[in-house]
Protein backbone atom coordinates (compact mmCIF):
# COMPACT_ATOMS: atom_id res chain seq x y z
CA MET A 1 -43.19 -34.88 -17.61
CA PRO A 2 -42.71 -32.85 -14.58
CA THR A 3 -39.08 -34.19 -14.02
CA ALA A 4 -38.01 -33.12 -17.40
CA ALA A 5 -39.55 -29.63 -16.95
CA GLY A 6 -37.93 -29.17 -13.83
CA GLY A 7 -34.70 -30.07 -15.21
CA ASP A 8 -34.90 -27.43 -17.81
CA ASP A 9 -35.69 -25.14 -15.20
CA GLU A 10 -32.91 -26.12 -13.49
CA LYS A 11 -30.51 -25.75 -16.57
CA ALA A 12 -31.76 -22.25 -17.60
CA ALA A 13 -31.08 -21.25 -13.94
CA ARG A 14 -27.77 -22.58 -14.21
CA ARG A 15 -26.90 -20.89 -17.50
CA ARG A 16 -28.46 -17.80 -16.03
CA GLU A 17 -25.76 -17.69 -13.41
CA GLN A 18 -23.11 -18.85 -15.38
CA ARG A 19 -23.55 -15.76 -17.54
CA GLY A 20 -23.36 -13.54 -14.57
CA TRP A 21 -20.54 -15.44 -13.28
CA TYR A 22 -18.62 -14.53 -16.41
CA VAL A 23 -19.46 -10.82 -16.25
CA TYR A 24 -17.18 -10.52 -12.93
CA ASP A 25 -14.06 -11.81 -15.32
CA TRP A 26 -15.22 -8.92 -17.35
CA ALA A 27 -15.27 -6.42 -14.86
CA CYS A 28 -11.93 -7.06 -12.90
CA SER A 29 -9.96 -8.13 -15.90
CA VAL A 30 -9.55 -4.65 -16.97
CA TYR A 31 -7.57 -3.87 -13.79
CA SER A 32 -5.07 -7.00 -14.73
CA THR A 33 -4.66 -5.73 -18.24
CA SER A 34 -4.57 -1.98 -18.19
CA VAL A 35 -3.26 -1.33 -14.56
CA LEU A 36 -1.06 -4.07 -13.85
CA THR A 37 0.17 -5.32 -17.21
CA VAL A 38 0.37 -2.17 -19.24
CA PHE A 39 0.52 1.14 -17.44
CA LEU A 40 1.24 0.90 -13.93
CA GLY A 41 4.63 -0.82 -14.03
CA PRO A 42 6.24 1.68 -16.15
CA TYR A 43 4.43 4.73 -14.81
CA LEU A 44 5.42 3.74 -11.27
CA THR A 45 8.71 3.31 -12.22
CA GLU A 46 9.27 6.45 -13.76
CA VAL A 47 7.74 8.07 -10.70
CA ALA A 48 9.96 6.09 -8.40
CA LYS A 49 12.90 7.33 -10.44
CA SER A 50 11.78 10.76 -10.06
CA ALA A 51 12.02 10.53 -6.33
CA ALA A 52 15.33 8.64 -6.77
CA ASP A 53 18.52 9.89 -5.13
CA ALA A 54 21.97 10.60 -7.17
CA ASP A 55 22.51 6.75 -7.27
CA GLY A 56 19.09 5.56 -8.46
CA PHE A 57 17.88 4.48 -5.03
CA VAL A 58 14.43 5.36 -3.15
CA HIS A 59 14.21 4.74 0.50
CA PRO A 60 10.77 3.42 1.67
CA LEU A 61 10.73 2.97 5.27
CA GLY A 62 14.53 3.78 5.26
CA ILE A 63 15.11 0.86 2.93
CA PRO A 64 17.52 1.38 0.02
CA VAL A 65 15.67 0.23 -3.01
CA ARG A 66 16.61 0.59 -6.74
CA ALA A 67 14.00 2.52 -8.40
CA GLY A 68 13.80 0.09 -11.10
CA SER A 69 12.94 -2.68 -8.72
CA PHE A 70 10.25 -0.70 -6.73
CA PHE A 71 7.35 -1.93 -8.62
CA ALA A 72 8.31 -5.80 -8.57
CA TYR A 73 8.64 -5.40 -4.93
CA SER A 74 5.31 -3.57 -4.38
CA VAL A 75 3.90 -6.46 -6.23
CA SER A 76 5.41 -9.13 -3.78
CA ALA A 77 4.11 -6.71 -0.94
CA SER A 78 0.50 -7.02 -2.15
CA VAL A 79 0.80 -10.91 -2.25
CA ILE A 80 2.14 -10.83 1.37
CA LEU A 81 -0.77 -8.96 2.32
CA SER A 82 -3.36 -11.33 0.23
CA ILE A 83 -1.75 -14.60 2.03
CA LEU A 84 -3.25 -12.86 5.42
CA LEU A 85 -6.54 -11.84 3.98
CA MET A 86 -7.68 -14.80 1.96
CA PRO A 87 -7.94 -17.55 4.34
CA LEU A 88 -10.19 -15.18 6.46
CA ALA A 89 -12.40 -14.65 3.38
CA GLY A 90 -12.59 -18.46 2.19
CA ALA A 91 -13.49 -19.39 6.04
CA ALA A 92 -16.26 -16.58 6.34
CA ALA A 93 -17.69 -17.47 3.02
CA ASP A 94 -17.86 -21.28 3.99
CA ARG A 95 -19.06 -20.39 7.78
CA THR A 96 -21.92 -18.21 6.43
CA GLY A 97 -22.81 -19.25 3.03
CA ARG A 98 -22.73 -15.59 2.21
CA LYS A 99 -20.14 -14.95 -0.74
CA LYS A 100 -21.97 -12.05 -2.17
CA PRO A 101 -21.42 -9.60 0.44
CA LEU A 102 -17.85 -10.44 0.94
CA LEU A 103 -17.39 -10.34 -3.20
CA ALA A 104 -18.92 -7.07 -3.02
CA ALA A 105 -16.85 -5.86 -0.26
CA ALA A 106 -13.45 -6.93 -1.87
CA ALA A 107 -14.42 -5.96 -5.43
CA TYR A 108 -15.24 -2.19 -4.41
CA VAL A 109 -12.15 -1.76 -2.18
CA GLY A 110 -10.08 -2.80 -5.21
CA ALA A 111 -12.17 -0.60 -7.44
CA ALA A 112 -11.73 2.46 -5.15
CA ALA A 113 -8.16 1.80 -4.94
CA THR A 114 -7.58 1.65 -8.52
CA ALA A 115 -9.68 4.86 -9.26
CA GLY A 116 -7.68 6.65 -6.56
CA MET A 117 -4.53 5.99 -9.02
CA PHE A 118 -5.67 9.16 -10.89
CA PHE A 119 -3.70 10.96 -8.08
CA LEU A 120 -0.59 9.15 -8.88
CA SER A 121 1.69 11.90 -10.10
CA GLY A 122 4.96 13.97 -9.55
CA ASP A 123 7.11 11.74 -6.99
CA ARG A 124 4.50 10.00 -5.06
CA TYR A 125 5.86 6.45 -5.45
CA LEU A 126 4.86 5.69 -2.08
CA LEU A 127 0.92 6.21 -3.03
CA GLY A 128 1.48 4.44 -5.92
CA GLY A 129 2.99 1.26 -4.00
CA VAL A 130 0.16 1.51 -1.32
CA LEU A 131 -2.70 1.82 -3.88
CA LEU A 132 -1.30 -1.11 -5.67
CA ILE A 133 -0.91 -3.41 -2.65
CA VAL A 134 -4.52 -2.47 -1.80
CA ALA A 135 -5.90 -3.13 -5.22
CA ASN A 136 -4.07 -6.36 -5.85
CA ALA A 137 -4.83 -8.02 -2.24
CA SER A 138 -8.59 -7.11 -3.05
CA LEU A 139 -8.50 -8.46 -6.40
CA ALA A 140 -7.03 -11.78 -4.89
CA VAL A 141 -9.64 -11.87 -2.13
CA SER A 142 -12.48 -11.33 -4.66
CA MET A 143 -11.14 -14.35 -6.94
CA VAL A 144 -11.19 -16.52 -4.09
CA LEU A 145 -14.90 -15.99 -3.72
CA TYR A 146 -15.56 -15.79 -7.52
CA ASN A 147 -13.65 -19.18 -8.25
CA SER A 148 -15.43 -20.92 -5.62
CA TYR A 149 -18.74 -20.61 -7.33
CA LEU A 150 -17.52 -22.90 -10.28
CA PRO A 151 -18.27 -26.00 -8.80
CA GLN A 152 -21.62 -24.74 -7.81
CA ILE A 153 -23.09 -23.38 -11.21
CA ALA A 154 -21.48 -25.93 -13.30
CA THR A 155 -21.66 -29.54 -13.94
CA PRO A 156 -18.33 -31.73 -14.03
CA GLU A 157 -18.69 -31.98 -17.56
CA GLU A 158 -19.31 -28.29 -18.13
CA ARG A 159 -16.46 -26.97 -16.20
CA ASP A 160 -13.73 -26.79 -18.75
CA ALA A 161 -15.88 -24.97 -20.99
CA VAL A 162 -17.64 -22.58 -18.40
CA SER A 163 -14.17 -21.89 -16.88
CA SER A 164 -12.67 -21.01 -20.44
CA ARG A 165 -15.60 -18.85 -21.41
CA GLY A 166 -15.09 -16.83 -18.02
CA TRP A 167 -11.44 -16.29 -19.25
CA ALA A 168 -12.47 -15.33 -22.68
CA PHE A 169 -14.87 -12.58 -21.49
CA GLY A 170 -11.98 -11.18 -19.37
CA TYR A 171 -9.78 -11.12 -22.12
CA ALA A 172 -12.35 -9.68 -24.24
CA SER A 173 -13.11 -6.78 -21.92
CA GLY A 174 -9.40 -6.10 -21.35
CA ALA A 175 -9.01 -5.71 -25.36
CA LEU A 176 -12.15 -3.52 -25.48
CA VAL A 177 -10.74 -1.08 -22.90
CA LEU A 178 -7.09 -1.30 -24.30
CA ILE A 179 -8.32 0.11 -27.60
CA ALA A 180 -9.99 2.98 -25.66
CA ASN A 181 -6.70 3.57 -23.95
CA LEU A 182 -4.84 3.39 -27.02
CA VAL A 183 -6.91 6.11 -28.36
CA LEU A 184 -6.58 8.35 -25.47
CA PHE A 185 -2.85 7.73 -25.02
CA THR A 186 -1.70 8.29 -28.69
CA ALA A 187 -4.22 11.37 -29.22
CA HIS A 188 -3.94 13.06 -25.96
CA ASP A 189 -3.08 16.27 -27.16
CA SER A 190 -6.42 16.15 -29.04
CA PHE A 191 -8.36 15.48 -26.01
CA GLY A 192 -6.31 18.42 -24.30
CA VAL A 193 -4.48 16.33 -21.80
CA SER A 194 -0.85 15.35 -21.03
CA GLU A 195 0.74 12.19 -21.58
CA GLY A 196 1.15 11.67 -17.78
CA THR A 197 -2.53 12.72 -17.16
CA ALA A 198 -3.61 10.42 -20.05
CA VAL A 199 -1.91 7.58 -18.31
CA ARG A 200 -3.76 8.41 -15.00
CA ILE A 201 -7.21 8.57 -16.61
CA CYS A 202 -6.47 5.18 -17.98
CA LEU A 203 -5.48 3.61 -14.62
CA ALA A 204 -8.27 5.48 -12.76
CA SER A 205 -11.08 4.42 -15.68
CA ALA A 206 -9.97 0.45 -14.93
CA GLY A 207 -11.48 1.08 -11.41
CA VAL A 208 -14.61 2.80 -12.65
CA TRP A 209 -15.08 -0.15 -15.00
CA TRP A 210 -14.51 -2.59 -12.60
CA GLY A 211 -17.01 -1.19 -9.96
CA ALA A 212 -19.69 -0.64 -12.49
CA PHE A 213 -19.92 -4.07 -13.89
CA THR A 214 -19.50 -5.96 -10.87
CA LEU A 215 -23.12 -5.08 -10.17
CA VAL A 216 -24.07 -7.69 -12.83
CA PRO A 217 -22.55 -10.86 -11.00
CA LEU A 218 -23.99 -9.41 -7.52
CA ARG A 219 -27.52 -9.76 -9.13
CA ARG A 220 -27.03 -12.88 -10.72
CA LEU A 221 -25.29 -15.15 -8.45
CA ARG A 222 -27.06 -16.89 -5.48
CA ASP A 223 -25.70 -17.54 -2.11
CA ARG A 224 -25.98 -20.99 -0.82
CA ARG A 225 -25.65 -22.77 2.46
CA THR A 226 -23.63 -26.24 2.32
CA PRO A 227 -24.31 -28.66 4.62
CA GLY A 228 -21.72 -28.85 7.26
CA ALA A 229 -20.18 -25.71 6.38
CA ALA A 230 -21.19 -23.89 9.90
CA ALA A 231 -18.65 -25.98 11.45
CA SER A 232 -15.93 -23.74 9.82
CA SER A 233 -13.34 -22.16 12.13
CA HIS A 234 -12.12 -18.84 11.42
CA GLY A 235 -9.05 -17.39 9.35
CA TRP A 236 -5.92 -19.21 10.03
CA ARG A 237 -7.16 -21.76 12.16
CA GLN A 238 -9.60 -22.55 9.14
CA LEU A 239 -6.47 -22.70 6.63
CA ALA A 240 -4.71 -24.65 9.25
CA ALA A 241 -7.77 -27.15 9.16
CA THR A 242 -8.01 -27.03 5.50
CA VAL A 243 -4.19 -27.91 4.99
CA ARG A 244 -5.01 -30.80 7.60
CA HIS A 245 -8.03 -31.86 5.53
CA MET A 246 -6.01 -31.73 2.37
CA ARG A 247 -3.53 -34.39 3.68
CA ARG A 248 -6.37 -36.87 3.16
CA HIS A 249 -6.02 -35.89 -0.54
CA PRO A 250 -2.43 -35.78 -1.23
CA ARG A 251 -2.94 -35.80 -4.80
CA THR A 252 -5.02 -32.47 -4.67
CA LEU A 253 -1.98 -31.13 -2.70
CA ALA A 254 0.57 -32.39 -5.55
CA PHE A 255 -1.72 -30.45 -7.91
CA LEU A 256 -1.55 -27.30 -6.04
CA LEU A 257 2.20 -27.37 -5.58
CA ALA A 258 2.80 -27.94 -9.56
CA TYR A 259 0.31 -25.03 -10.03
CA LEU A 260 1.62 -22.66 -7.54
CA VAL A 261 5.36 -23.17 -9.49
CA TYR A 262 3.98 -22.78 -12.95
CA ASN A 263 1.47 -20.17 -12.09
CA ASP A 264 4.22 -17.95 -10.42
CA GLY A 265 5.95 -17.84 -13.38
CA ILE A 266 2.75 -16.71 -15.42
CA GLN A 267 1.72 -14.16 -12.93
CA THR A 268 5.29 -12.60 -13.08
CA VAL A 269 5.35 -12.50 -16.96
CA ILE A 270 1.76 -10.77 -16.72
CA SER A 271 3.13 -8.01 -14.31
CA GLN A 272 6.57 -7.43 -15.35
CA ALA A 273 6.28 -7.52 -19.20
CA SER A 274 5.68 -4.06 -19.63
CA VAL A 275 8.64 -2.99 -17.53
CA TYR A 276 10.86 -5.25 -19.47
CA GLY A 277 9.56 -3.87 -22.81
CA SER A 278 9.79 -0.39 -21.72
CA GLN A 279 13.19 -0.17 -19.62
CA GLU A 280 15.07 -3.14 -21.39
CA LEU A 281 13.64 -3.29 -24.89
CA GLN A 282 13.03 0.78 -25.05
CA LEU A 283 9.82 0.51 -26.52
CA GLY A 284 7.36 3.22 -26.27
CA GLN A 285 4.07 3.18 -24.45
CA SER A 286 2.02 2.94 -27.74
CA THR A 287 3.70 -0.10 -28.52
CA LEU A 288 3.16 -1.94 -25.33
CA ILE A 289 -0.31 -1.13 -25.45
CA THR A 290 -0.68 -2.57 -29.02
CA ALA A 291 1.40 -5.55 -27.74
CA VAL A 292 -0.79 -6.39 -24.69
CA LEU A 293 -3.86 -5.50 -26.97
CA LEU A 294 -2.67 -8.36 -29.18
CA VAL A 295 -2.19 -10.75 -26.13
CA GLN A 296 -5.81 -9.72 -25.25
CA VAL A 297 -7.35 -10.69 -28.81
CA LEU A 298 -5.33 -14.02 -29.08
CA ALA A 299 -6.12 -14.90 -25.39
CA VAL A 300 -9.73 -15.16 -26.35
CA ALA A 301 -8.92 -17.55 -29.09
CA GLY A 302 -6.44 -19.27 -26.99
CA ALA A 303 -8.73 -19.83 -24.01
CA LEU A 304 -11.58 -21.02 -26.16
CA GLY A 305 -9.28 -23.30 -28.28
CA MET A 306 -7.52 -24.85 -25.51
CA GLY A 307 -10.83 -25.49 -23.94
CA ARG A 308 -11.76 -27.49 -26.87
CA LEU A 309 -8.48 -29.28 -26.73
CA ALA A 310 -8.91 -30.30 -23.25
CA GLN A 311 -12.47 -31.77 -24.30
CA ARG A 312 -10.35 -34.16 -26.80
CA TYR A 313 -7.07 -34.61 -24.80
CA GLY A 314 -7.74 -33.98 -21.44
CA ALA A 315 -7.10 -30.65 -19.36
CA LYS A 316 -3.84 -32.32 -17.72
CA ARG A 317 -2.23 -32.95 -21.22
CA THR A 318 -3.45 -29.38 -22.43
CA ILE A 319 -1.99 -27.71 -19.62
CA LEU A 320 1.23 -29.84 -19.96
CA GLY A 321 1.81 -28.39 -23.60
CA SER A 322 0.93 -24.87 -22.64
CA LEU A 323 3.84 -25.03 -20.41
CA ILE A 324 6.45 -26.42 -22.95
CA ALA A 325 4.92 -23.46 -25.01
CA TRP A 326 5.63 -20.95 -22.24
CA THR A 327 9.01 -22.11 -21.66
CA LEU A 328 9.94 -21.59 -25.34
CA THR A 329 8.43 -18.45 -25.47
CA ILE A 330 9.86 -16.80 -22.48
CA GLY A 331 13.41 -18.48 -23.60
CA ALA A 332 12.91 -16.55 -26.90
CA GLY A 333 12.30 -13.26 -25.03
CA TYR A 334 15.71 -13.24 -23.53
CA PHE A 335 17.25 -12.74 -27.07
CA LEU A 336 14.86 -10.02 -28.46
CA PRO A 337 16.76 -6.96 -29.87
CA ALA A 338 16.26 -3.34 -28.34
CA ARG A 339 13.78 -0.96 -30.28
CA THR A 340 12.56 -3.66 -32.31
CA PRO A 341 8.68 -3.58 -32.23
CA ALA A 342 8.02 -6.62 -34.53
CA TRP A 343 9.60 -9.12 -32.76
CA PHE A 344 8.11 -8.04 -29.44
CA PHE A 345 4.87 -8.39 -31.12
CA VAL A 346 5.61 -11.97 -31.86
CA LEU A 347 6.59 -12.62 -28.38
CA ALA A 348 3.25 -11.13 -27.45
CA ALA A 349 1.48 -13.37 -29.69
CA GLY A 350 3.10 -16.29 -28.41
CA ILE A 351 1.97 -15.31 -24.65
CA GLY A 352 -1.59 -14.72 -25.77
CA LEU A 353 -2.04 -18.13 -27.33
CA VAL A 354 -1.22 -19.97 -24.25
CA LEU A 355 -2.21 -17.55 -21.35
CA GLY A 356 -5.91 -17.76 -21.06
CA GLY A 357 -6.11 -21.36 -21.54
CA SER A 358 -3.35 -22.37 -18.90
CA GLN A 359 -5.13 -20.41 -16.36
CA ALA A 360 -8.70 -21.33 -17.29
CA LEU A 361 -7.92 -25.18 -17.63
CA SER A 362 -5.96 -25.18 -14.38
CA ARG A 363 -8.97 -23.41 -12.45
CA SER A 364 -11.38 -26.37 -13.97
CA LEU A 365 -9.33 -29.01 -13.31
CA PHE A 366 -8.70 -28.12 -9.75
CA SER A 367 -12.58 -27.74 -9.28
CA HIS A 368 -12.74 -31.47 -9.83
CA LEU A 369 -10.41 -31.93 -7.01
CA VAL A 370 -12.45 -30.49 -4.13
CA PRO A 371 -14.73 -32.33 -2.04
CA SER A 372 -18.16 -31.24 -1.68
CA GLY A 373 -18.94 -28.69 0.71
CA LYS A 374 -15.32 -27.38 0.77
CA GLU A 375 -15.57 -25.13 -2.15
CA ALA A 376 -14.63 -21.56 -0.92
CA GLU A 377 -12.10 -23.22 1.52
CA TYR A 378 -10.32 -25.09 -0.85
CA PHE A 379 -10.53 -22.29 -3.31
CA SER A 380 -9.04 -20.00 -0.58
CA ALA A 381 -5.96 -22.43 -0.56
CA TYR A 382 -6.10 -22.69 -4.56
CA GLU A 383 -6.05 -18.62 -4.75
CA MET A 384 -3.05 -18.57 -2.39
CA SER A 385 -1.08 -20.81 -5.10
CA ASP A 386 -2.73 -18.50 -8.07
CA ARG A 387 -1.96 -14.85 -6.44
CA GLY A 388 -1.58 -15.28 -3.01
CA MET A 389 1.72 -17.15 -3.36
CA SER A 390 3.01 -15.68 -6.71
CA TRP A 391 5.55 -13.44 -4.75
CA LEU A 392 8.71 -15.34 -5.48
CA GLY A 393 8.56 -14.68 -9.17
CA PRO A 394 8.39 -10.65 -8.71
CA LEU A 395 10.82 -11.04 -5.86
CA LEU A 396 13.41 -13.04 -8.07
CA PHE A 397 12.74 -10.32 -10.71
CA GLY A 398 13.33 -7.58 -8.66
CA LEU A 399 16.38 -9.10 -6.97
CA THR A 400 17.97 -10.02 -10.12
CA TYR A 401 17.54 -6.73 -11.55
CA GLN A 402 18.78 -4.87 -8.37
CA LEU A 403 22.11 -7.31 -8.42
CA THR A 404 22.84 -7.37 -12.27
CA GLY A 405 21.04 -4.13 -13.27
CA SER A 406 19.75 -6.30 -16.14
CA TYR A 407 16.10 -6.98 -16.93
CA ARG A 408 17.28 -9.78 -19.65
CA ASP A 409 18.84 -11.83 -16.64
CA ALA A 410 15.55 -11.18 -14.70
CA ILE A 411 13.33 -12.28 -17.45
CA ILE A 412 15.41 -15.54 -18.20
CA SER A 413 15.17 -16.67 -14.52
CA LEU A 414 11.64 -17.39 -15.10
CA VAL A 415 11.88 -20.16 -17.19
CA LEU A 416 12.89 -22.32 -14.11
CA PHE A 417 9.21 -21.91 -12.94
CA PHE A 418 7.66 -23.42 -16.11
CA VAL A 419 10.25 -26.13 -16.43
CA LEU A 420 9.69 -27.49 -12.60
CA GLY A 421 5.83 -26.56 -12.82
CA PHE A 422 5.78 -29.30 -15.94
CA VAL A 423 7.74 -31.95 -13.91
CA LEU A 424 5.60 -31.67 -10.80
CA LEU A 425 2.20 -31.63 -12.85
CA ALA A 426 3.28 -34.49 -14.94
CA ARG A 427 3.50 -36.61 -11.82
CA VAL A 428 -0.03 -35.84 -10.66
CA PRO A 429 -2.52 -38.79 -11.43
CA VAL A 430 -5.51 -36.53 -11.85
CA ARG A 431 -8.16 -39.42 -12.42
CA ARG A 432 -7.39 -40.79 -9.00
CA ALA A 433 -7.34 -37.56 -7.33
CA VAL A 434 -10.63 -36.91 -8.74
CA MET A 435 -12.14 -40.08 -7.37
CA GLU A 436 -10.51 -39.48 -4.03
CA ALA A 437 -12.32 -36.24 -3.52
CA GLY A 438 -15.36 -38.12 -3.94
CA ASN A 439 -16.42 -36.67 -7.44
CA PRO A 440 -17.68 -38.22 -10.57
CA VAL A 441 -14.67 -38.40 -12.99
CA PRO A 442 -15.22 -36.94 -16.79
CA GLU A 443 -14.65 -38.78 -19.49
CA ARG A 444 -11.61 -36.68 -20.50
CA ILE A 445 -9.76 -35.08 -17.83
């Protein structure tokens, strides 16, 4: 009887921690939605254009950059900074077992940089670029630490569902805040502010939201010392040691390579879709907000629905199906007519249905491939594949536009990431990879 009671207490404690874990997605996803996906791309592009010379170029550090490419290049620069910082965070977390202070530091630096976007106006495109780089890098570091909790707070059989619920919480919060953004933006005159001020309020409020709700996971999550973790090295030496350790698990590395490729496409779509809609399709900001709101609502259903599909068919098959859907959706985006919101909404619906599920299931699938005691260390490498290595897509997008002047050519180039990612993932024997990592194999994977 005491054993049963102890088991119930342990389950209750785990559920409490899981609920706190969900709230960090609720906190930080508003940045990804309102700032990175909706407002900052078009707004920073317009700020850069106001600072451009007669040929349409700005000159950060004396380098000629087409104003329409500045946002994409800034995203790529933020990724480079993330690559430098994430190994330090992962190594420190595993070495000390104190993830929460590191999570708090990353979250509040990112939230402060986002709140500082209120001061982005006139021709201050360099300020916008710096704040974007700091906020994006801080989010990436915080996600290393956040994701590394998943193997510790969920049993192997729970992880697909727990990971999917986390993504669903994030998309739900993004939808809620976007509704408020839409009201403020469309009725800004009624609130006595200009359109530009309304955009800056929407940007800054995402930082306030991020910081406020981060308090919940910081109260609920528990730090754990893992046996053997104290021997971890520092930073890049630790990353090199992680890669050497991963060589003992080549199928885990194979999954990371596949994920690196297809997730690069996903992250580029997230960051560049609003620029494509505003600059190429000539859609208004209200249309873009509504479209992203549609993505958020459908992403909640998509994340939960794909989580259920994974329970029936396995995470790998479900992810492969989502990559087919991504390929078809982005390919269709090339042919969208300008000034036609209805077709853009159809595209947004297609993205929403596969967006949350493909990311949530990738995270939960990887958690099965991580050897015990290596959670933060391996998730540092995962996050480098997730956000840290997602520089090629934005760079290709920006270069394509700089060379061709066409966002349609830029968007169609992203299909390559989904096709190649599908091929690479299909070749990974995930069941064998789980066994080689020393973890129990779920019935469906």
